[in-house]
Amino acid sequence: MPEKTRLMVLAPVIRQKKGHHKDIVDKLLSEGFVRARVNGEVVDLQSGLRGEADNPLGLGRYEKHDVEAWWTASRFGPKRSAG
């Protein structure tokens, strides 16, 4: 693996479904998730919301969307000896 490779672990929640998906945002927050990837863009679920009560992600109601829960992210690289 190349040095400083970043690995993101995501769990698909919504695939190509229309709607604002407020219920999904509420569920992710209640389960302790703080980030999600929405249509390919990482969003902070606690501070990155648009403030609209019915549409917190600012999504088009009649457009298809992908939502993935961000499980974790880590950087990997070659092991270094302690000596």
C-alpha atoms as a PDB file:
ATOM      1  CA  MET A   1       0.000   0.000   0.000  1.00  0.00           C
ATOM      2  CA  PRO A   2       1.444   3.439  -0.864  1.00  0.00           C
ATOM      3  CA  GLU A   3       2.556   5.650   2.018  1.00  0.00           C
ATOM      4  CA  LYS A   4      -0.230   7.662   3.698  1.00  0.00           C
ATOM      5  CA  THR A   5      -3.001   5.816   1.869  1.00  0.00           C
ATOM      6  CA  ARG A   6      -6.386   6.898   3.216  1.00  0.00           C
ATOM      7  CA  LEU A   7      -9.061   4.280   3.709  1.00  0.00           C
ATOM      8  CA  MET A   8     -12.700   5.250   4.261  1.00  0.00           C
ATOM      9  CA  VAL A   9     -15.188   2.641   5.436  1.00  0.00           C
ATOM     10  CA  LEU A  10     -18.707   3.511   4.274  1.00  0.00           C
ATOM     11  CA  ALA A  11     -22.012   1.680   4.634  1.00  0.00           C
ATOM     12  CA  PRO A  12     -24.654   2.226   1.931  1.00  0.00           C
ATOM     13  CA  VAL A  13     -27.941   3.495   3.351  1.00  0.00           C
ATOM     14  CA  ILE A  14     -29.781   4.866   0.282  1.00  0.00           C
ATOM     15  CA  ARG A  15     -29.070   3.987  -3.351  1.00  0.00           C
ATOM     16  CA  GLN A  16     -30.669   6.039  -6.125  1.00  0.00           C
ATOM     17  CA  LYS A  17     -33.845   6.986  -4.228  1.00  0.00           C
ATOM     18  CA  LYS A  18     -35.766  10.235  -4.561  1.00  0.00           C
ATOM     19  CA  GLY A  19     -36.579  12.473  -1.602  1.00  0.00           C
ATOM     20  CA  HIS A  20     -35.133  14.748   1.073  1.00  0.00           C
ATOM     21  CA  HIS A  21     -34.282  11.772   3.339  1.00  0.00           C
ATOM     22  CA  LYS A  22     -34.732  13.662   6.613  1.00  0.00           C
ATOM     23  CA  ASP A  23     -35.686  10.397   8.345  1.00  0.00           C
ATOM     24  CA  ILE A  24     -32.354   8.869   7.313  1.00  0.00           C
ATOM     25  CA  VAL A  25     -30.392  11.853   8.675  1.00  0.00           C
ATOM     26  CA  ASP A  26     -32.295  11.634  11.976  1.00  0.00           C
ATOM     27  CA  LYS A  27     -31.646   7.884  12.213  1.00  0.00           C
ATOM     28  CA  LEU A  28     -27.917   8.232  11.476  1.00  0.00           C
ATOM     29  CA  LEU A  29     -27.560  10.957  14.112  1.00  0.00           C
ATOM     30  CA  SER A  30     -29.484   8.904  16.693  1.00  0.00           C
ATOM     31  CA  GLU A  31     -27.166   5.944  16.016  1.00  0.00           C
ATOM     32  CA  GLY A  32     -24.079   8.085  16.671  1.00  0.00           C
ATOM     33  CA  PHE A  33     -22.869   8.750  13.131  1.00  0.00           C
ATOM     34  CA  VAL A  34     -21.337  12.206  12.679  1.00  0.00           C
ATOM     35  CA  ARG A  35     -20.516  12.085   8.950  1.00  0.00           C
ATOM     36  CA  ALA A  36     -22.067  10.700   5.793  1.00  0.00           C
ATOM     37  CA  ARG A  37     -21.238  10.776   2.115  1.00  0.00           C
ATOM     38  CA  VAL A  38     -24.156  12.211   0.164  1.00  0.00           C
ATOM     39  CA  ASN A  39     -23.982  12.002  -3.631  1.00  0.00           C
ATOM     40  CA  GLY A  40     -20.195  11.637  -3.377  1.00  0.00           C
ATOM     41  CA  GLU A  41     -19.652  14.577  -0.997  1.00  0.00           C
ATOM     42  CA  VAL A  42     -18.727  14.087   2.679  1.00  0.00           C
ATOM     43  CA  VAL A  43     -21.126  15.957   4.992  1.00  0.00           C
ATOM     44  CA  ASP A  44     -20.790  16.606   8.735  1.00  0.00           C
ATOM     45  CA  LEU A  45     -24.217  15.596  10.031  1.00  0.00           C
ATOM     46  CA  GLN A  46     -23.963  17.751  13.167  1.00  0.00           C
ATOM     47  CA  SER A  47     -22.803  21.069  11.730  1.00  0.00           C
ATOM     48  CA  GLY A  48     -22.992  20.677   7.957  1.00  0.00           C
ATOM     49  CA  LEU A  49     -26.757  20.585   7.718  1.00  0.00           C
ATOM     50  CA  ARG A  50     -28.510  23.343   5.819  1.00  0.00           C
ATOM     51  CA  GLY A  51     -30.907  24.211   8.658  1.00  0.00           C
ATOM     52  CA  GLU A  52     -34.092  23.436   6.733  1.00  0.00           C
ATOM     53  CA  ALA A  53     -36.309  21.320   8.979  1.00  0.00           C
ATOM     54  CA  ASP A  54     -37.810  19.193   6.190  1.00  0.00           C
ATOM     55  CA  ASN A  55     -34.701  19.091   3.993  1.00  0.00           C
ATOM     56  CA  PRO A  56     -31.546  19.147   6.170  1.00  0.00           C
ATOM     57  CA  LEU A  57     -29.238  18.025   3.346  1.00  0.00           C
ATOM     58  CA  GLY A  58     -30.599  20.459   0.754  1.00  0.00           C
ATOM     59  CA  LEU A  59     -31.492  17.637  -1.653  1.00  0.00           C
ATOM     60  CA  GLY A  60     -33.853  17.898  -4.599  1.00  0.00           C
ATOM     61  CA  ARG A  61     -37.073  16.091  -3.736  1.00  0.00           C
ATOM     62  CA  TYR A  62     -37.542  14.587  -7.207  1.00  0.00           C
ATOM     63  CA  GLU A  63     -33.884  13.709  -7.834  1.00  0.00           C
ATOM     64  CA  LYS A  64     -32.242  10.366  -7.051  1.00  0.00           C
ATOM     65  CA  HIS A  65     -29.641  10.366  -4.274  1.00  0.00           C
ATOM     66  CA  ASP A  66     -27.040   8.118  -2.668  1.00  0.00           C
ATOM     67  CA  VAL A  67     -26.412   8.289   1.092  1.00  0.00           C
ATOM     68  CA  GLU A  68     -23.648   6.322   2.795  1.00  0.00           C
ATOM     69  CA  ALA A  69     -22.896   6.282   6.525  1.00  0.00           C
ATOM     70  CA  TRP A  70     -19.233   7.125   7.193  1.00  0.00           C
ATOM     71  CA  TRP A  71     -18.024   4.429   9.554  1.00  0.00           C
ATOM     72  CA  THR A  72     -14.348   5.423   9.872  1.00  0.00           C
ATOM     73  CA  ALA A  73     -11.323   6.829   8.061  1.00  0.00           C
ATOM     74  CA  SER A  74      -7.681   5.937   8.660  1.00  0.00           C
ATOM     75  CA  ARG A  75      -4.309   6.575   7.109  1.00  0.00           C
ATOM     76  CA  PHE A  76      -2.044   3.650   6.354  1.00  0.00           C
ATOM     77  CA  GLY A  77       1.595   3.521   5.436  1.00  0.00           C
ATOM     78  CA  PRO A  78       4.712   1.430   5.837  1.00  0.00           C
ATOM     79  CA  LYS A  79       5.561   0.287   9.361  1.00  0.00           C
ATOM     80  CA  ARG A  80       8.463   2.088  10.959  1.00  0.00           C
ATOM     81  CA  SER A  81      10.846   0.451  13.381  1.00  0.00           C
ATOM     82  CA  ALA A  82      11.097   1.906  16.878  1.00  0.00           C
ATOM     83  CA  GLY A  83      14.885   1.860  16.890  1.00  0.00           C
END
